[in-house]
Structures are given as C-alpha cells and as structure tokens.
Amino acid sequence: VTVEDAIKKADTVADLAKLAQHQGRKKYCTEINFFTSEMYKEINTERKYLAYLEDAIKNDEFVVYLQPKYDIHSERITGAEALLRWNYKHEKLLSPSEFISLFESNNVIGKVDQVVLKKVCILLSEMKKKNMPLYPVSVNLSRRRMENRHLKEQILATVDFYEIPHNLIEFELTETAAYSDRDSMLQLLSDLRDLGFLISMDDFGTGYSSLSLLKDMPMDTLKIDKCFIDSILTSAENSRECILLKEIIWLSKMLGFCCIAEGAEQKEQVDFLRRCGCDKVQGYYYSKPVPMAEFIQKVIDEQERLQKECC
C-alpha cells in the first residue's frame, strides 16, 4: 500500500464517520462503526458517480422509461409515469436505486429532474406534431429541488419552450419525503396547479403525515403505495389491510382526487380495485416500464385496435 493509497483510505474513513454521525439514530450516545472493504468500495463508487454527473448529462446517458397508466374500467391508456435509468458510460444500465438517493443527499438531484422533464417535453412535442393522442406524463419533483427559489420559472421555461400544454405535465411528490419548509412547498404546488399543471402524491400510506397532507396539499391525484396492493393477494377481503385499502379509495373519492393503484401485477388485484371504485391502475399486469419508442407504439396499437372495433 502506497502513502497516497493510505491517505485516500483515511479520507474515506473520515467521510464515512461523518456520514454515520449525521445518520445516527442515537443522538447522545457514542457509537462504534467498523470500516469494511465493502464500505470503501461503495463510497468510492458514489464519488465516481458524483464526479461524472455533468459528463453523463452532456453524453446523454440518462434514459427515460415510461410506465403506462390505465383506466380500470375501459382498460385504455390514460397517461404514464416517467422513470429514470442511467446508461452509465453507455456500458451498463443502472436502476434508480443505485444513484437517486446519492444525488438527493448531495443536492444535485435537480439536474437529473430537469433532464427527465426536458425529455418528456420532447416526447410530447413529437407526438403532438404527429397528431397522436396526448396523455399526461408524471415526473418526479424531488424534495431537495423544491428548495430552489427559481424552480417555477425553470419549469415554465422548459415546458413553454416546447409548447406543451401544462395539463400534460404532472408533478409527483413522494409522501414519505420530509419537507423542511412546508409552507413554501405548499405555496409552490399551489402556484404550479394555478398554472394548469397536475399534482400527484406518490406512495400514499407509507408516511406519517398522510392525513395532514391530504387536508392542505393542492393536488389532483393520489397514488396508493404498492404495499397495499400486494396485500390483496395475501389477505382476506375483511382483513385490516383490505379494509384500509377500501377506505383510502373511498377517502380519495370523497375529497375529489383521482385514485391510482400502483404495482398491480395480478388480475385478482385489478378486479378487487375495480370493485372498490379505484380509477386507474399502474403496474406489470398491464405493462412494465418501457422505452419511449415502445410507449409510442403502445399508443398507436391501441388507436388501431379502437378503430377496428368502431368499424
């Protein structure tokens, strides 16, 4: 081991110690953390990803997949969610779990969110030019990005540049995220909604502020977390899980929200959700996330099928 290597490892250990101190749950207790080679490898990988982010954007390495949303009654496409993949150095495809939390914790997630929004706008612009049916596409609005005072202006500049109707862009917020400035967050969402954008709460039911957010948050759509949908297959219809799921759907209807169930993979789940009055479904039962070109083909195929049925 060279002196330089030893210094690098010492710096890494120091970074890990700071991270452990920051994330530690026992605020007033002294904890001992053991440094392992796996931890060293992980933090070096994270440093590499962060240092390479700007080049990755320039090299167009971030790829947007779309997972269609279906009307639960007509079983037709009604929209899609934009999901990110990273074609790292055009060598391997990284899932969001491998980099999103890293970018969030280092306050660079806004750059990635902007890439997604731009790509979605380009797609909708192309579909518009071809006179294709247009459906709202939801994009993630990261908690850290909402701290940007100029976010509203940045969003408008991108969407209006591509001449996309505002009601074709839906911003999804994760219900589990902690918002340091709740009032500013609510004001931003209200402003965006006044401008015609759609607002959605993702992962509903997994956080601690659900009912409070439902009361105050200006939004159009409530997305029920997959954990509730999974319970349909493992629990009786009169179980607590299924009763709670029914009540969430009923509550969303009473509050005037569109209700989407995410993560439906089996026919039994879709049938149950339909009986409960859910509006839309997103999940592998209908479609996995697909590249943009494949999503366009799904829209074309559906239109051709509908035309044949009319004839």
Protein backbone atom coordinates (compact mmCIF):
# COMPACT_ATOMS: atom_id res chain seq x y z
CA VAL A 1 0.00 0.00 0.00
CA THR A 2 1.42 3.37 -1.02
CA VAL A 3 1.30 6.50 1.11
CA GLU A 4 -1.18 8.00 -1.38
CA ASP A 5 -3.49 4.99 -1.05
CA ALA A 6 -3.32 5.18 2.73
CA ILE A 7 -4.25 8.87 2.66
CA LYS A 8 -7.18 8.19 0.31
CA LYS A 9 -8.47 5.46 2.59
CA ALA A 10 -8.10 7.70 5.62
CA ASP A 11 -10.13 10.40 3.86
CA THR A 12 -12.78 7.82 3.02
CA VAL A 13 -12.96 6.61 6.61
CA ALA A 14 -13.37 10.21 7.74
CA ASP A 15 -16.22 10.69 5.26
CA LEU A 16 -17.89 7.53 6.49
CA ALA A 17 -17.55 8.65 10.10
CA LYS A 18 -19.23 11.95 9.27
CA LEU A 19 -21.99 10.09 7.46
CA ALA A 20 -22.54 7.77 10.41
CA GLN A 21 -22.65 10.73 12.76
CA HIS A 22 -25.16 12.50 10.52
CA GLN A 23 -27.40 9.46 10.15
CA GLY A 24 -27.02 8.12 13.66
CA ARG A 25 -30.24 7.47 15.47
CA LYS A 26 -28.83 7.77 18.98
CA LYS A 27 -28.10 11.44 19.19
CA TYR A 28 -26.46 11.49 22.62
CA CYS A 29 -24.71 8.13 22.53
CA THR A 30 -21.27 7.18 21.34
CA GLU A 31 -21.36 4.53 18.64
CA ILE A 32 -18.61 2.39 17.16
CA ASN A 33 -18.74 1.75 13.42
CA PHE A 34 -16.44 -0.75 11.73
CA PHE A 35 -14.93 0.20 8.39
CA THR A 36 -15.05 -2.59 5.80
CA SER A 37 -13.69 -3.03 2.30
CA GLU A 38 -17.28 -3.10 1.01
CA MET A 39 -17.92 0.32 2.53
CA TYR A 40 -14.74 1.65 0.97
CA LYS A 41 -15.77 0.32 -2.43
CA GLU A 42 -19.27 1.77 -2.10
CA ILE A 43 -18.19 5.28 -1.19
CA ASN A 44 -15.60 5.30 -3.98
CA THR A 45 -18.33 4.31 -6.44
CA GLU A 46 -20.53 7.11 -5.15
CA ARG A 47 -17.70 9.63 -5.52
CA LYS A 48 -17.18 8.41 -9.07
CA TYR A 49 -20.85 8.82 -9.93
CA LEU A 50 -20.99 12.33 -8.47
CA ALA A 51 -17.83 13.48 -10.25
CA TYR A 52 -19.12 12.09 -13.54
CA LEU A 53 -22.66 13.52 -13.37
CA GLU A 54 -22.06 16.57 -15.57
CA ASP A 55 -20.36 14.46 -18.25
CA ALA A 56 -23.18 11.92 -18.07
CA ILE A 57 -25.71 14.68 -18.81
CA LYS A 58 -23.60 16.01 -21.69
CA ASN A 59 -23.23 12.49 -23.10
CA ASP A 60 -26.99 11.94 -22.92
CA GLU A 61 -26.64 8.87 -20.72
CA PHE A 62 -29.87 9.29 -18.75
CA VAL A 63 -32.72 7.35 -20.29
CA VAL A 64 -36.41 7.83 -19.57
CA TYR A 65 -38.74 4.84 -19.49
CA LEU A 66 -42.49 5.24 -19.34
CA GLN A 67 -44.90 3.04 -17.42
CA PRO A 68 -48.43 3.47 -18.80
CA LYS A 69 -51.39 4.19 -16.54
CA TYR A 70 -54.68 2.53 -17.47
CA ASP A 71 -58.30 3.39 -16.82
CA ILE A 72 -59.51 0.49 -14.70
CA HIS A 73 -62.89 0.29 -16.47
CA SER A 74 -62.08 0.87 -20.16
CA GLU A 75 -58.57 -0.58 -19.78
CA ARG A 76 -57.24 2.13 -22.07
CA ILE A 77 -54.08 4.20 -21.63
CA THR A 78 -54.75 7.43 -19.75
CA GLY A 79 -51.20 8.58 -19.01
CA ALA A 80 -47.75 7.43 -17.97
CA GLU A 81 -45.09 7.86 -15.33
CA ALA A 82 -41.55 8.82 -16.34
CA LEU A 83 -38.97 6.55 -14.72
CA LEU A 84 -35.25 7.13 -14.98
CA ARG A 85 -32.42 4.77 -15.91
CA TRP A 86 -28.72 5.62 -16.24
CA ASN A 87 -26.89 4.12 -19.20
CA TYR A 88 -23.58 4.59 -17.39
CA LYS A 89 -20.87 5.39 -19.94
CA HIS A 90 -23.08 3.52 -22.40
CA GLU A 91 -21.80 0.31 -20.83
CA LYS A 92 -24.38 -0.74 -18.23
CA LEU A 93 -27.88 0.28 -17.25
CA LEU A 94 -28.18 1.46 -13.65
CA SER A 95 -31.51 1.41 -11.83
CA PRO A 96 -32.68 4.49 -9.87
CA SER A 97 -31.90 2.75 -6.57
CA GLU A 98 -28.22 2.91 -7.46
CA PHE A 99 -27.96 6.69 -7.79
CA ILE A 100 -31.13 8.67 -6.94
CA SER A 101 -30.65 8.76 -3.16
CA LEU A 102 -26.99 9.67 -3.71
CA PHE A 103 -27.93 12.64 -5.88
CA GLU A 104 -30.63 13.70 -3.42
CA SER A 105 -28.30 13.65 -0.43
CA ASN A 106 -25.72 15.70 -2.35
CA ASN A 107 -28.30 18.22 -3.59
CA VAL A 108 -27.73 17.58 -7.31
CA ILE A 109 -30.99 15.75 -7.98
CA GLY A 110 -32.43 18.88 -9.58
CA LYS A 111 -30.11 18.45 -12.56
CA VAL A 112 -31.44 14.96 -13.16
CA ASP A 113 -35.07 16.02 -12.65
CA GLN A 114 -34.53 18.69 -15.29
CA VAL A 115 -33.21 16.10 -17.76
CA VAL A 116 -36.34 13.99 -17.24
CA LEU A 117 -38.69 16.94 -17.68
CA LYS A 118 -36.93 18.01 -20.87
CA LYS A 119 -37.06 14.52 -22.37
CA VAL A 120 -40.75 14.19 -21.54
CA CYS A 121 -41.45 17.55 -23.19
CA ILE A 122 -39.56 16.49 -26.30
CA LEU A 123 -41.58 13.27 -26.47
CA LEU A 124 -44.91 15.08 -26.10
CA SER A 125 -43.84 17.63 -28.70
CA GLU A 126 -43.05 14.86 -31.19
CA MET A 127 -46.37 13.13 -30.51
CA LYS A 128 -48.19 16.43 -30.91
CA LYS A 129 -46.58 17.04 -34.32
CA LYS A 130 -47.73 13.58 -35.43
CA ASN A 131 -51.30 14.32 -34.27
CA MET A 132 -51.16 11.43 -31.84
CA PRO A 133 -53.33 11.21 -28.73
CA LEU A 134 -51.65 13.03 -25.85
CA TYR A 135 -51.79 11.86 -22.25
CA PRO A 136 -50.43 13.44 -19.06
CA VAL A 137 -46.97 12.23 -18.09
CA SER A 138 -45.92 12.40 -14.46
CA VAL A 139 -42.39 13.36 -13.49
CA ASN A 140 -40.79 13.34 -10.07
CA LEU A 141 -40.45 16.59 -8.15
CA SER A 142 -37.68 15.96 -5.65
CA ARG A 143 -37.84 17.42 -2.18
CA ARG A 144 -34.38 18.99 -2.47
CA ARG A 145 -35.24 20.60 -5.79
CA MET A 146 -38.24 22.29 -4.24
CA GLU A 147 -35.82 24.36 -2.16
CA ASN A 148 -34.80 26.14 -5.37
CA ARG A 149 -36.41 29.59 -5.35
CA HIS A 150 -36.38 29.74 -9.14
CA LEU A 151 -37.92 26.32 -9.70
CA LYS A 152 -41.26 27.59 -11.00
CA GLU A 153 -39.54 29.79 -13.58
CA GLN A 154 -37.26 26.92 -14.66
CA ILE A 155 -40.22 24.59 -15.13
CA LEU A 156 -42.16 27.17 -17.15
CA ALA A 157 -39.15 27.93 -19.33
CA THR A 158 -38.74 24.26 -20.27
CA VAL A 159 -42.41 23.36 -20.77
CA ASP A 160 -43.29 26.54 -22.66
CA PHE A 161 -40.21 26.28 -24.89
CA TYR A 162 -41.60 23.02 -26.29
CA GLU A 163 -45.14 24.45 -26.34
CA ILE A 164 -46.54 21.70 -24.14
CA PRO A 165 -49.97 22.30 -22.58
CA HIS A 166 -49.45 22.48 -18.83
CA ASN A 167 -52.12 19.89 -18.12
CA LEU A 168 -49.96 17.26 -19.83
CA ILE A 169 -47.30 17.52 -17.11
CA GLU A 170 -47.99 16.02 -13.69
CA PHE A 171 -45.58 16.50 -10.81
CA GLU A 172 -45.30 13.64 -8.35
CA LEU A 173 -44.19 14.15 -4.77
CA THR A 174 -43.22 11.25 -2.56
CA GLU A 175 -45.44 11.20 0.51
CA THR A 176 -42.63 9.84 2.67
CA ALA A 177 -40.29 12.76 1.98
CA ALA A 178 -39.71 15.25 4.79
CA TYR A 179 -40.19 18.87 3.77
CA SER A 180 -38.20 21.34 5.82
CA ASP A 181 -40.28 24.32 4.72
CA ARG A 182 -43.82 23.02 4.45
CA ASP A 183 -45.40 26.43 3.80
CA SER A 184 -43.09 27.17 0.87
CA MET A 185 -43.73 23.70 -0.54
CA LEU A 186 -47.49 24.16 -0.39
CA GLN A 187 -47.22 27.62 -1.98
CA LEU A 188 -45.12 26.28 -4.85
CA LEU A 189 -47.56 23.46 -5.50
CA SER A 190 -50.47 25.88 -5.40
CA ASP A 191 -48.71 28.15 -7.90
CA LEU A 192 -47.98 25.24 -10.25
CA ARG A 193 -51.54 24.00 -10.04
CA ASP A 194 -52.87 27.52 -10.75
CA LEU A 195 -50.71 27.45 -13.89
CA GLY A 196 -52.50 24.29 -15.04
CA PHE A 197 -50.00 21.63 -14.02
CA LEU A 198 -51.25 18.48 -12.31
CA ILE A 199 -50.08 17.48 -8.83
CA SER A 200 -49.87 13.92 -7.54
CA MET A 201 -48.97 12.39 -4.18
CA ASP A 202 -46.95 9.22 -4.63
CA ASP A 203 -46.52 6.30 -2.18
CA PHE A 204 -49.57 7.33 -0.17
CA GLY A 205 -49.97 5.48 3.11
CA THR A 206 -46.30 4.89 3.85
CA GLY A 207 -45.55 8.15 5.71
CA TYR A 208 -46.63 9.75 8.94
CA SER A 209 -48.20 12.96 7.64
CA SER A 210 -50.68 11.46 5.19
CA LEU A 211 -53.94 12.91 6.52
CA SER A 212 -52.40 16.30 7.20
CA LEU A 213 -51.09 16.47 3.63
CA LEU A 214 -54.46 15.42 2.25
CA LYS A 215 -56.05 18.32 4.10
CA ASP A 216 -53.62 21.01 2.97
CA MET A 217 -51.96 19.89 -0.24
CA PRO A 218 -53.32 21.19 -3.57
CA MET A 219 -53.40 18.08 -5.72
CA ASP A 220 -55.29 16.11 -8.35
CA THR A 221 -54.19 12.51 -7.89
CA LEU A 222 -53.48 10.16 -5.02
CA LYS A 223 -51.32 7.11 -5.74
CA ILE A 224 -51.74 4.20 -3.35
CA ASP A 225 -48.46 2.55 -2.44
CA LYS A 226 -47.73 -0.93 -3.76
CA CYS A 227 -47.61 -2.44 -0.27
CA PHE A 228 -51.40 -2.04 -0.02
CA ILE A 229 -51.93 -3.60 -3.44
CA ASP A 230 -49.75 -6.57 -2.52
CA SER A 231 -51.96 -7.26 0.50
CA ILE A 232 -54.90 -8.08 -1.81
CA LEU A 233 -53.26 -11.39 -2.71
CA THR A 234 -52.18 -12.30 0.81
CA SER A 235 -55.09 -11.11 2.96
CA ALA A 236 -58.80 -11.86 3.25
CA GLU A 237 -61.19 -9.22 1.95
CA ASN A 238 -62.29 -8.41 5.50
CA SER A 239 -58.71 -8.12 6.76
CA ARG A 240 -57.36 -4.86 8.15
CA GLU A 241 -55.15 -4.36 5.08
CA CYS A 242 -58.00 -4.68 2.60
CA ILE A 243 -60.40 -2.63 4.71
CA LEU A 244 -57.81 0.14 4.93
CA LEU A 245 -57.28 0.00 1.17
CA LYS A 246 -61.02 0.35 0.58
CA GLU A 247 -61.16 3.33 2.93
CA ILE A 248 -58.24 5.06 1.20
CA ILE A 249 -60.02 4.72 -2.14
CA TRP A 250 -63.28 5.98 -0.62
CA LEU A 251 -61.50 8.91 1.04
CA SER A 252 -59.80 9.95 -2.20
CA LYS A 253 -63.15 9.91 -3.98
CA MET A 254 -64.81 12.00 -1.25
CA LEU A 255 -62.01 14.56 -1.48
CA GLY A 256 -62.30 14.75 -5.25
CA PHE A 257 -58.96 13.12 -6.11
CA CYS A 258 -58.28 10.69 -8.91
CA CYS A 259 -57.15 7.44 -7.29
CA ILE A 260 -54.37 5.35 -8.86
CA ALA A 261 -53.16 1.99 -7.57
CA GLU A 262 -49.52 1.31 -8.38
CA GLY A 263 -47.86 -2.07 -8.53
CA ALA A 264 -50.83 -4.20 -9.62
CA GLU A 265 -49.45 -7.42 -11.08
CA GLN A 266 -52.34 -9.90 -10.97
CA LYS A 267 -55.90 -9.96 -12.35
CA GLU A 268 -57.25 -10.57 -8.83
CA GLN A 269 -55.77 -7.28 -7.70
CA VAL A 270 -57.26 -5.32 -10.61
CA ASP A 271 -60.69 -6.92 -10.10
CA PHE A 272 -60.64 -6.07 -6.40
CA LEU A 273 -59.59 -2.47 -7.08
CA ARG A 274 -62.32 -2.12 -9.68
CA ARG A 275 -64.95 -3.31 -7.20
CA CYS A 276 -63.64 -0.78 -4.66
CA GLY A 277 -64.03 2.14 -7.05
CA CYS A 278 -60.37 2.81 -7.90
CA ASP A 279 -59.98 4.95 -11.03
CA LYS A 280 -56.69 3.90 -12.58
CA VAL A 281 -54.05 1.20 -12.37
CA GLN A 282 -50.32 1.25 -12.97
CA GLY A 283 -48.38 -1.98 -12.82
CA TYR A 284 -46.98 -5.06 -14.52
CA TYR A 285 -50.46 -6.53 -15.06
CA TYR A 286 -50.90 -4.06 -17.91
CA SER A 287 -47.34 -3.02 -18.68
CA LYS A 288 -43.85 -2.81 -17.26
CA PRO A 289 -41.87 0.43 -17.75
CA VAL A 290 -40.89 0.63 -21.42
CA PRO A 291 -38.62 2.84 -23.54
CA MET A 292 -40.28 5.89 -25.04
CA ALA A 293 -40.42 4.40 -28.54
CA GLU A 294 -42.24 1.36 -27.19
CA PHE A 295 -44.71 3.57 -25.34
CA ILE A 296 -45.48 5.40 -28.59
CA GLN A 297 -46.08 2.05 -30.27
CA LYS A 298 -48.47 1.05 -27.49
CA VAL A 299 -50.46 4.23 -28.13
CA ILE A 300 -50.50 3.54 -31.89
CA ASP A 301 -51.57 -0.09 -31.38
CA GLU A 302 -54.37 0.94 -29.04
CA GLN A 303 -55.69 3.52 -31.51
CA GLU A 304 -55.64 0.98 -34.34
CA ARG A 305 -57.50 -1.53 -32.17
CA LEU A 306 -60.14 1.04 -31.23
CA GLN A 307 -60.63 1.99 -34.87
CA LYS A 308 -61.17 -1.65 -35.81
CA GLU A 309 -63.72 -2.04 -33.01
CA CYS A 310 -65.61 1.00 -34.27
CA CYS A 311 -65.77 -0.46 -37.76
